[in-house]
Amino acid sequence: MYWDVKTVTPLSDYRLYVEIADGRRGIFDVKPYLDHGVFHELRNQDYFKQVSIVLGAVTWPHEQDIAPETLVAELVPVDAPPHDALKRDRPEAAHQ
């Protein structure tokens, strides 16, 4: 689907660098969700870094996920090539 995530990389300050199948790329801020239900576990930095992609969605091991429509709606576009955008933040890990 056009909003399937192809790449997700955890960044500092509970943000994610995301590339979507339709070519969009940007930063998604997870902070607004950290005090809500199952997302509280993401406050643990080691756990937050375990982000991955399952069936095109951003997910974590205990089945927390970001709804694709939320991700697309709240993604802050990044125009720079991925390596330039990531250089500014020093990603913790990359998943593809």
PDB file of N, CA and C in Angstrom:
ATOM      1  N   MET A   1       0.843  -1.177   0.000  1.00  0.00           N
ATOM      2  CA  MET A   1       0.000   0.000   0.000  1.00  0.00           C
ATOM      3  C   MET A   1       0.888   1.240   0.000  1.00  0.00           C
ATOM      4  N   TYR A   2       0.362   2.357  -0.417  1.00  0.00           N
ATOM      5  CA  TYR A   2       1.163   3.561  -0.565  1.00  0.00           C
ATOM      6  C   TYR A   2       1.750   4.062   0.744  1.00  0.00           C
ATOM      7  N   TRP A   3       1.188   3.682   1.877  1.00  0.00           N
ATOM      8  CA  TRP A   3       1.738   4.185   3.148  1.00  0.00           C
ATOM      9  C   TRP A   3       2.563   3.132   3.888  1.00  0.00           C
ATOM     10  N   ASP A   4       2.897   2.039   3.244  1.00  0.00           N
ATOM     11  CA  ASP A   4       3.766   1.051   3.867  1.00  0.00           C
ATOM     12  C   ASP A   4       5.131   1.674   4.169  1.00  0.00           C
ATOM     13  N   VAL A   5       5.602   1.437   5.366  1.00  0.00           N
ATOM     14  CA  VAL A   5       6.908   1.935   5.774  1.00  0.00           C
ATOM     15  C   VAL A   5       7.980   0.995   5.214  1.00  0.00           C
ATOM     16  N   LYS A   6       8.999   1.586   4.623  1.00  0.00           N
ATOM     17  CA  LYS A   6      10.110   0.812   4.058  1.00  0.00           C
ATOM     18  C   LYS A   6      11.346   0.877   4.956  1.00  0.00           C
ATOM     19  N   THR A   7      11.520   1.983   5.693  1.00  0.00           N
ATOM     20  CA  THR A   7      12.662   2.161   6.579  1.00  0.00           C
ATOM     21  C   THR A   7      12.211   2.914   7.822  1.00  0.00           C
ATOM     22  N   VAL A   8      12.684   2.465   8.971  1.00  0.00           N
ATOM     23  CA  VAL A   8      12.463   3.205  10.216  1.00  0.00           C
ATOM     24  C   VAL A   8      13.760   3.175  11.013  1.00  0.00           C
ATOM     25  N   THR A   9      14.139   4.331  11.532  1.00  0.00           N
ATOM     26  CA  THR A   9      15.367   4.462  12.306  1.00  0.00           C
ATOM     27  C   THR A   9      15.070   5.265  13.558  1.00  0.00           C
ATOM     28  N   PRO A  10      15.341   4.709  14.736  1.00  0.00           N
ATOM     29  CA  PRO A  10      15.126   5.481  15.966  1.00  0.00           C
ATOM     30  C   PRO A  10      16.147   6.608  16.086  1.00  0.00           C
ATOM     31  N   LEU A  11      15.686   7.775  16.463  1.00  0.00           N
ATOM     32  CA  LEU A  11      16.537   8.941  16.658  1.00  0.00           C
ATOM     33  C   LEU A  11      16.461   9.368  18.118  1.00  0.00           C
ATOM     34  N   SER A  12      17.212  10.377  18.463  1.00  0.00           N
ATOM     35  CA  SER A  12      17.167  10.896  19.825  1.00  0.00           C
ATOM     36  C   SER A  12      15.809  11.546  20.110  1.00  0.00           C
ATOM     37  N   ASP A  13      15.540  11.746  21.374  1.00  0.00           N
ATOM     38  CA  ASP A  13      14.349  12.470  21.819  1.00  0.00           C
ATOM     39  C   ASP A  13      13.042  11.815  21.347  1.00  0.00           C
ATOM     40  N   TYR A  14      13.026  10.491  21.296  1.00  0.00           N
ATOM     41  CA  TYR A  14      11.823   9.720  20.956  1.00  0.00           C
ATOM     42  C   TYR A  14      11.239  10.089  19.590  1.00  0.00           C
ATOM     43  N   ARG A  15      12.120  10.220  18.619  1.00  0.00           N
ATOM     44  CA  ARG A  15      11.688  10.490  17.251  1.00  0.00           C
ATOM     45  C   ARG A  15      12.119   9.338  16.364  1.00  0.00           C
ATOM     46  N   LEU A  16      11.432   9.206  15.239  1.00  0.00           N
ATOM     47  CA  LEU A  16      11.741   8.160  14.269  1.00  0.00           C
ATOM     48  C   LEU A  16      11.952   8.793  12.897  1.00  0.00           C
ATOM     49  N   TYR A  17      12.998   8.362  12.211  1.00  0.00           N
ATOM     50  CA  TYR A  17      13.158   8.704  10.806  1.00  0.00           C
ATOM     51  C   TYR A  17      12.441   7.605  10.027  1.00  0.00           C
ATOM     52  N   VAL A  18      11.557   8.003   9.098  1.00  0.00           N
ATOM     53  CA  VAL A  18      10.718   7.042   8.380  1.00  0.00           C
ATOM     54  C   VAL A  18      10.757   7.325   6.886  1.00  0.00           C
ATOM     55  N   GLU A  19      10.844   6.249   6.105  1.00  0.00           N
ATOM     56  CA  GLU A  19      10.671   6.333   4.654  1.00  0.00           C
ATOM     57  C   GLU A  19       9.479   5.467   4.289  1.00  0.00           C
ATOM     58  N   ILE A  20       8.583   6.043   3.495  1.00  0.00           N
ATOM     59  CA  ILE A  20       7.341   5.367   3.109  1.00  0.00           C
ATOM     60  C   ILE A  20       7.450   4.919   1.654  1.00  0.00           C
ATOM     61  N   ALA A  21       6.722   3.882   1.306  1.00  0.00           N
ATOM     62  CA  ALA A  21       6.787   3.281  -0.033  1.00  0.00           C
ATOM     63  C   ALA A  21       6.534   4.285  -1.157  1.00  0.00           C
ATOM     64  N   ASP A  22       5.732   5.305  -0.907  1.00  0.00           N
ATOM     65  CA  ASP A  22       5.424   6.267  -1.969  1.00  0.00           C
ATOM     66  C   ASP A  22       6.516   7.323  -2.142  1.00  0.00           C
ATOM     67  N   GLY A  23       7.623   7.193  -1.406  1.00  0.00           N
ATOM     68  CA  GLY A  23       8.736   8.114  -1.564  1.00  0.00           C
ATOM     69  C   GLY A  23       8.840   9.183  -0.494  1.00  0.00           C
ATOM     70  N   ARG A  24       7.811   9.356   0.292  1.00  0.00           N
ATOM     71  CA  ARG A  24       7.891  10.349   1.369  1.00  0.00           C
ATOM     72  C   ARG A  24       8.865   9.878   2.435  1.00  0.00           C
ATOM     73  N   ARG A  25       9.519  10.848   3.050  1.00  0.00           N
ATOM     74  CA  ARG A  25      10.396  10.547   4.173  1.00  0.00           C
ATOM     75  C   ARG A  25      10.318  11.708   5.148  1.00  0.00           C
ATOM     76  N   GLY A  26      10.495  11.378   6.415  1.00  0.00           N
ATOM     77  CA  GLY A  26      10.408  12.435   7.399  1.00  0.00           C
ATOM     78  C   GLY A  26      10.627  11.932   8.808  1.00  0.00           C
ATOM     79  N   ILE A  27      10.328  12.803   9.744  1.00  0.00           N
ATOM     80  CA  ILE A  27      10.515  12.532  11.162  1.00  0.00           C
ATOM     81  C   ILE A  27       9.148  12.442  11.830  1.00  0.00           C
ATOM     82  N   PHE A  28       8.957  11.379  12.603  1.00  0.00           N
ATOM     83  CA  PHE A  28       7.727  11.196  13.381  1.00  0.00           C
ATOM     84  C   PHE A  28       8.096  11.300  14.856  1.00  0.00           C
ATOM     85  N   ASP A  29       7.427  12.179  15.570  1.00  0.00           N
ATOM     86  CA  ASP A  29       7.673  12.406  16.992  1.00  0.00           C
ATOM     87  C   ASP A  29       6.748  11.519  17.819  1.00  0.00           C
ATOM     88  N   VAL A  30       7.328  10.616  18.582  1.00  0.00           N
ATOM     89  CA  VAL A  30       6.554   9.679  19.392  1.00  0.00           C
ATOM     90  C   VAL A  30       6.219  10.262  20.769  1.00  0.00           C
ATOM     91  N   LYS A  31       6.891  11.345  21.172  1.00  0.00           N
ATOM     92  CA  LYS A  31       6.691  11.906  22.516  1.00  0.00           C
ATOM     93  C   LYS A  31       5.238  12.128  22.910  1.00  0.00           C
ATOM     94  N   PRO A  32       4.371  12.630  22.045  1.00  0.00           N
ATOM     95  CA  PRO A  32       2.978  12.864  22.463  1.00  0.00           C
ATOM     96  C   PRO A  32       2.233  11.591  22.888  1.00  0.00           C
ATOM     97  N   TYR A  33       2.767  10.431  22.554  1.00  0.00           N
ATOM     98  CA  TYR A  33       2.091   9.169  22.846  1.00  0.00           C
ATOM     99  C   TYR A  33       2.633   8.458  24.082  1.00  0.00           C
ATOM    100  N   LEU A  34       3.755   8.898  24.615  1.00  0.00           N
ATOM    101  CA  LEU A  34       4.458   8.164  25.659  1.00  0.00           C
ATOM    102  C   LEU A  34       3.695   8.020  26.970  1.00  0.00           C
ATOM    103  N   ASP A  35       2.737   8.877  27.237  1.00  0.00           N
ATOM    104  CA  ASP A  35       1.972   8.796  28.483  1.00  0.00           C
ATOM    105  C   ASP A  35       0.631   8.093  28.300  1.00  0.00           C
ATOM    106  N   HIS A  36       0.431   7.452  27.172  1.00  0.00           N
ATOM    107  CA  HIS A  36      -0.851   6.826  26.863  1.00  0.00           C
ATOM    108  C   HIS A  36      -0.732   5.309  26.776  1.00  0.00           C
ATOM    109  N   GLY A  37      -1.399   4.632  27.677  1.00  0.00           N
ATOM    110  CA  GLY A  37      -1.550   3.179  27.641  1.00  0.00           C
ATOM    111  C   GLY A  37      -0.291   2.409  27.326  1.00  0.00           C
ATOM    112  N   VAL A  38      -0.376   1.576  26.300  1.00  0.00           N
ATOM    113  CA  VAL A  38       0.713   0.664  25.946  1.00  0.00           C
ATOM    114  C   VAL A  38       1.982   1.380  25.513  1.00  0.00           C
ATOM    115  N   PHE A  39       1.877   2.639  25.132  1.00  0.00           N
ATOM    116  CA  PHE A  39       3.047   3.370  24.661  1.00  0.00           C
ATOM    117  C   PHE A  39       3.985   3.779  25.794  1.00  0.00           C
ATOM    118  N   HIS A  40       3.533   3.713  27.034  1.00  0.00           N
ATOM    119  CA  HIS A  40       4.367   4.089  28.180  1.00  0.00           C
ATOM    120  C   HIS A  40       5.674   3.292  28.187  1.00  0.00           C
ATOM    121  N   GLU A  41       5.626   2.047  27.758  1.00  0.00           N
ATOM    122  CA  GLU A  41       6.812   1.192  27.720  1.00  0.00           C
ATOM    123  C   GLU A  41       7.908   1.756  26.807  1.00  0.00           C
ATOM    124  N   LEU A  42       7.517   2.568  25.828  1.00  0.00           N
ATOM    125  CA  LEU A  42       8.482   3.135  24.887  1.00  0.00           C
ATOM    126  C   LEU A  42       9.402   4.160  25.552  1.00  0.00           C
ATOM    127  N   ARG A  43       9.080   4.596  26.761  1.00  0.00           N
ATOM    128  CA  ARG A  43       9.948   5.528  27.490  1.00  0.00           C
ATOM    129  C   ARG A  43      11.314   4.892  27.775  1.00  0.00           C
ATOM    130  N   ASN A  44      11.359   3.585  27.839  1.00  0.00           N
ATOM    131  CA  ASN A  44      12.627   2.873  28.023  1.00  0.00           C
ATOM    132  C   ASN A  44      13.389   2.978  26.705  1.00  0.00           C
ATOM    133  N   GLN A  45      14.512   3.709  26.727  1.00  0.00           N
ATOM    134  CA  GLN A  45      15.271   3.956  25.498  1.00  0.00           C
ATOM    135  C   GLN A  45      15.712   2.669  24.797  1.00  0.00           C
ATOM    136  N   ASP A  46      16.132   1.670  25.577  1.00  0.00           N
ATOM    137  CA  ASP A  46      16.554   0.412  24.958  1.00  0.00           C
ATOM    138  C   ASP A  46      15.387  -0.257  24.234  1.00  0.00           C
ATOM    139  N   TYR A  47      14.217  -0.186  24.826  1.00  0.00           N
ATOM    140  CA  TYR A  47      13.033  -0.760  24.184  1.00  0.00           C
ATOM    141  C   TYR A  47      12.631   0.072  22.967  1.00  0.00           C
ATOM    142  N   PHE A  48      12.658   1.387  23.092  1.00  0.00           N
ATOM    143  CA  PHE A  48      12.301   2.272  21.976  1.00  0.00           C
ATOM    144  C   PHE A  48      13.152   1.952  20.744  1.00  0.00           C
ATOM    145  N   LYS A  49      14.419   1.659  20.953  1.00  0.00           N
ATOM    146  CA  LYS A  49      15.344   1.368  19.848  1.00  0.00           C
ATOM    147  C   LYS A  49      15.039   0.046  19.147  1.00  0.00           C
ATOM    148  N   GLN A  50      14.159  -0.759  19.711  1.00  0.00           N
ATOM    149  CA  GLN A  50      13.800  -2.039  19.103  1.00  0.00           C
ATOM    150  C   GLN A  50      12.715  -1.898  18.040  1.00  0.00           C
ATOM    151  N   VAL A  51      12.424  -0.681  17.631  1.00  0.00           N
ATOM    152  CA  VAL A  51      11.413  -0.431  16.608  1.00  0.00           C
ATOM    153  C   VAL A  51      11.754  -1.216  15.341  1.00  0.00           C
ATOM    154  N   SER A  52      10.714  -1.693  14.670  1.00  0.00           N
ATOM    155  CA  SER A  52      10.901  -2.431  13.424  1.00  0.00           C
ATOM    156  C   SER A  52       9.678  -2.234  12.535  1.00  0.00           C
ATOM    157  N   ILE A  53       9.671  -2.934  11.434  1.00  0.00           N
ATOM    158  CA  ILE A  53       8.559  -2.861  10.485  1.00  0.00           C
ATOM    159  C   ILE A  53       7.933  -4.243  10.378  1.00  0.00           C
ATOM    160  N   VAL A  54       6.630  -4.311  10.582  1.00  0.00           N
ATOM    161  CA  VAL A  54       5.882  -5.553  10.424  1.00  0.00           C
ATOM    162  C   VAL A  54       4.702  -5.254   9.502  1.00  0.00           C
ATOM    163  N   LEU A  55       4.674  -5.945   8.380  1.00  0.00           N
ATOM    164  CA  LEU A  55       3.612  -5.758   7.378  1.00  0.00           C
ATOM    165  C   LEU A  55       3.435  -4.288   7.009  1.00  0.00           C
ATOM    166  N   GLY A  56       4.553  -3.568   6.882  1.00  0.00           N
ATOM    167  CA  GLY A  56       4.518  -2.170   6.457  1.00  0.00           C
ATOM    168  C   GLY A  56       4.223  -1.167   7.554  1.00  0.00           C
ATOM    169  N   ALA A  57       4.086  -1.622   8.805  1.00  0.00           N
ATOM    170  CA  ALA A  57       3.759  -0.718   9.917  1.00  0.00           C
ATOM    171  C   ALA A  57       4.926  -0.625  10.896  1.00  0.00           C
ATOM    172  N   VAL A  58       5.066   0.535  11.518  1.00  0.00           N
ATOM    173  CA  VAL A  58       6.066   0.760  12.564  1.00  0.00           C
ATOM    174  C   VAL A  58       5.574   0.062  13.826  1.00  0.00           C
ATOM    175  N   THR A  59       6.382  -0.856  14.358  1.00  0.00           N
ATOM    176  CA  THR A  59       5.966  -1.633  15.527  1.00  0.00           C
ATOM    177  C   THR A  59       7.131  -1.857  16.485  1.00  0.00           C
ATOM    178  N   TRP A  60       6.777  -2.303  17.695  1.00  0.00           N
ATOM    179  CA  TRP A  60       7.745  -2.709  18.708  1.00  0.00           C
ATOM    180  C   TRP A  60       7.409  -4.127  19.145  1.00  0.00           C
ATOM    181  N   PRO A  61       8.325  -4.801  19.840  1.00  0.00           N
ATOM    182  CA  PRO A  61       8.148  -6.225  20.159  1.00  0.00           C
ATOM    183  C   PRO A  61       6.871  -6.593  20.913  1.00  0.00           C
ATOM    184  N   HIS A  62       6.378  -5.714  21.770  1.00  0.00           N
ATOM    185  CA  HIS A  62       5.170  -6.044  22.531  1.00  0.00           C
ATOM    186  C   HIS A  62       3.907  -5.548  21.832  1.00  0.00           C
ATOM    187  N   GLU A  63       3.989  -5.454  20.523  1.00  0.00           N
ATOM    188  CA  GLU A  63       2.866  -5.165  19.637  1.00  0.00           C
ATOM    189  C   GLU A  63       2.343  -3.739  19.681  1.00  0.00           C
ATOM    190  N   GLN A  64       3.119  -2.796  20.242  1.00  0.00           N
ATOM    191  CA  GLN A  64       2.743  -1.397  20.073  1.00  0.00           C
ATOM    192  C   GLN A  64       2.983  -1.050  18.606  1.00  0.00           C
ATOM    193  N   ASP A  65       2.130  -0.229  18.055  1.00  0.00           N
ATOM    194  CA  ASP A  65       2.342   0.212  16.680  1.00  0.00           C
ATOM    195  C   ASP A  65       1.773   1.600  16.476  1.00  0.00           C
ATOM    196  N   ILE A  66       2.211   2.223  15.416  1.00  0.00           N
ATOM    197  CA  ILE A  66       1.700   3.532  15.022  1.00  0.00           C
ATOM    198  C   ILE A  66       0.787   3.294  13.823  1.00  0.00           C
ATOM    199  N   ALA A  67      -0.461   3.710  13.942  1.00  0.00           N
ATOM    200  CA  ALA A  67      -1.409   3.531  12.845  1.00  0.00           C
ATOM    201  C   ALA A  67      -0.879   4.245  11.599  1.00  0.00           C
ATOM    202  N   PRO A  68      -0.941   3.598  10.447  1.00  0.00           N
ATOM    203  CA  PRO A  68      -0.401   4.209   9.224  1.00  0.00           C
ATOM    204  C   PRO A  68      -0.974   5.597   8.944  1.00  0.00           C
ATOM    205  N   GLU A  69      -2.256   5.785   9.160  1.00  0.00           N
ATOM    206  CA  GLU A  69      -2.856   7.091   8.882  1.00  0.00           C
ATOM    207  C   GLU A  69      -2.331   8.163   9.845  1.00  0.00           C
ATOM    208  N   THR A  70      -2.025   7.772  11.082  1.00  0.00           N
ATOM    209  CA  THR A  70      -1.432   8.704  12.050  1.00  0.00           C
ATOM    210  C   THR A  70      -0.011   9.048  11.633  1.00  0.00           C
ATOM    211  N   LEU A  71       0.739   8.032  11.254  1.00  0.00           N
ATOM    212  CA  LEU A  71       2.114   8.241  10.823  1.00  0.00           C
ATOM    213  C   LEU A  71       2.172   9.215   9.651  1.00  0.00           C
ATOM    214  N   VAL A  72       1.365   8.979   8.643  1.00  0.00           N
ATOM    215  CA  VAL A  72       1.357   9.830   7.454  1.00  0.00           C
ATOM    216  C   VAL A  72       0.904  11.244   7.806  1.00  0.00           C
ATOM    217  N   ALA A  73      -0.109  11.377   8.644  1.00  0.00           N
ATOM    218  CA  ALA A  73      -0.647  12.695   8.996  1.00  0.00           C
ATOM    219  C   ALA A  73       0.337  13.528   9.805  1.00  0.00           C
ATOM    220  N   GLU A  74       1.144  12.876  10.644  1.00  0.00           N
ATOM    221  CA  GLU A  74       2.016  13.609  11.555  1.00  0.00           C
ATOM    222  C   GLU A  74       3.488  13.596  11.152  1.00  0.00           C
ATOM    223  N   LEU A  75       3.807  13.012  10.027  1.00  0.00           N
ATOM    224  CA  LEU A  75       5.187  12.951   9.556  1.00  0.00           C
ATOM    225  C   LEU A  75       5.649  14.348   9.142  1.00  0.00           C
ATOM    226  N   VAL A  76       6.764  14.793   9.692  1.00  0.00           N
ATOM    227  CA  VAL A  76       7.344  16.080   9.311  1.00  0.00           C
ATOM    228  C   VAL A  76       8.333  15.801   8.181  1.00  0.00           C
ATOM    229  N   PRO A  77       8.025  16.278   6.980  1.00  0.00           N
ATOM    230  CA  PRO A  77       8.849  15.944   5.818  1.00  0.00           C
ATOM    231  C   PRO A  77      10.309  16.367   5.976  1.00  0.00           C
ATOM    232  N   VAL A  78      11.175  15.555   5.398  1.00  0.00           N
ATOM    233  CA  VAL A  78      12.598  15.839   5.327  1.00  0.00           C
ATOM    234  C   VAL A  78      12.960  15.819   3.853  1.00  0.00           C
ATOM    235  N   ASP A  79      13.497  16.919   3.358  1.00  0.00           N
ATOM    236  CA  ASP A  79      13.844  17.001   1.939  1.00  0.00           C
ATOM    237  C   ASP A  79      15.231  16.473   1.627  1.00  0.00           C
ATOM    238  N   ALA A  80      16.092  16.449   2.636  1.00  0.00           N
ATOM    239  CA  ALA A  80      17.466  16.003   2.410  1.00  0.00           C
ATOM    240  C   ALA A  80      17.487  14.508   2.154  1.00  0.00           C
ATOM    241  N   PRO A  81      18.482  14.050   1.420  1.00  0.00           N
ATOM    242  CA  PRO A  81      18.646  12.597   1.281  1.00  0.00           C
ATOM    243  C   PRO A  81      18.755  11.961   2.659  1.00  0.00           C
ATOM    244  N   PRO A  82      18.369  10.712   2.789  1.00  0.00           N
ATOM    245  CA  PRO A  82      18.355  10.079   4.105  1.00  0.00           C
ATOM    246  C   PRO A  82      19.674  10.188   4.862  1.00  0.00           C
ATOM    247  N   HIS A  83      20.790   9.991   4.201  1.00  0.00           N
ATOM    248  CA  HIS A  83      22.065  10.037   4.926  1.00  0.00           C
ATOM    249  C   HIS A  83      22.338  11.427   5.484  1.00  0.00           C
ATOM    250  N   ASP A  84      21.919  12.494   4.795  1.00  0.00           N
ATOM    251  CA  ASP A  84      22.113  13.852   5.307  1.00  0.00           C
ATOM    252  C   ASP A  84      21.205  14.131   6.498  1.00  0.00           C
ATOM    253  N   ALA A  85      19.969  13.688   6.411  1.00  0.00           N
ATOM    254  CA  ALA A  85      19.030  13.894   7.517  1.00  0.00           C
ATOM    255  C   ALA A  85      19.502  13.159   8.757  1.00  0.00           C
ATOM    256  N   LEU A  86      20.008  11.964   8.578  1.00  0.00           N
ATOM    257  CA  LEU A  86      20.435  11.160   9.713  1.00  0.00           C
ATOM    258  C   LEU A  86      21.750  11.649  10.306  1.00  0.00           C
ATOM    259  N   LYS A  87      22.628  12.215   9.493  1.00  0.00           N
ATOM    260  CA  LYS A  87      23.898  12.728  10.000  1.00  0.00           C
ATOM    261  C   LYS A  87      23.671  13.765  11.094  1.00  0.00           C
ATOM    262  N   ARG A  88      22.618  14.555  10.941  1.00  0.00           N
ATOM    263  CA  ARG A  88      22.345  15.608  11.914  1.00  0.00           C
ATOM    264  C   ARG A  88      21.912  15.042  13.255  1.00  0.00           C
ATOM    265  N   ASP A  89      21.473  13.787  13.288  1.00  0.00           N
ATOM    266  CA  ASP A  89      20.906  13.251  14.516  1.00  0.00           C
ATOM    267  C   ASP A  89      21.648  12.052  15.089  1.00  0.00           C
ATOM    268  N   ARG A  90      22.503  11.436  14.379  1.00  0.00           N
ATOM    269  CA  ARG A  90      23.206  10.225  14.809  1.00  0.00           C
ATOM    270  C   ARG A  90      22.233   9.152  15.256  1.00  0.00           C
ATOM    271  N   PRO A  91      21.692   8.405  14.309  1.00  0.00           N
ATOM    272  CA  PRO A  91      20.710   7.367  14.654  1.00  0.00           C
ATOM    273  C   PRO A  91      21.312   6.288  15.535  1.00  0.00           C
ATOM    274  N   GLU A  92      20.461   5.679  16.302  1.00  0.00           N
ATOM    275  CA  GLU A  92      20.886   4.604  17.194  1.00  0.00           C
ATOM    276  C   GLU A  92      21.016   3.288  16.442  1.00  0.00           C
ATOM    277  N   ALA A  93      20.113   3.059  15.494  1.00  0.00           N
ATOM    278  CA  ALA A  93      20.119   1.822  14.719  1.00  0.00           C
ATOM    279  C   ALA A  93      19.248   2.032  13.492  1.00  0.00           C
ATOM    280  N   ALA A  94      19.437   1.201  12.509  1.00  0.00           N
ATOM    281  CA  ALA A  94      18.624   1.295  11.299  1.00  0.00           C
ATOM    282  C   ALA A  94      18.003  -0.059  11.003  1.00  0.00           C
ATOM    283  N   HIS A  95      16.749  -0.025  10.564  1.00  0.00           N
ATOM    284  CA  HIS A  95      16.036  -1.257  10.212  1.00  0.00           C
ATOM    285  C   HIS A  95      15.453  -1.067   8.827  1.00  0.00           C
ATOM    286  N   GLN A  96      15.563  -2.090   8.028  1.00  0.00           N
ATOM    287  CA  GLN A  96      14.941  -2.025   6.701  1.00  0.00           C
ATOM    288  C   GLN A  96      14.217  -3.304   6.431  1.00  0.00           C
TER     289      GLN A  96
END
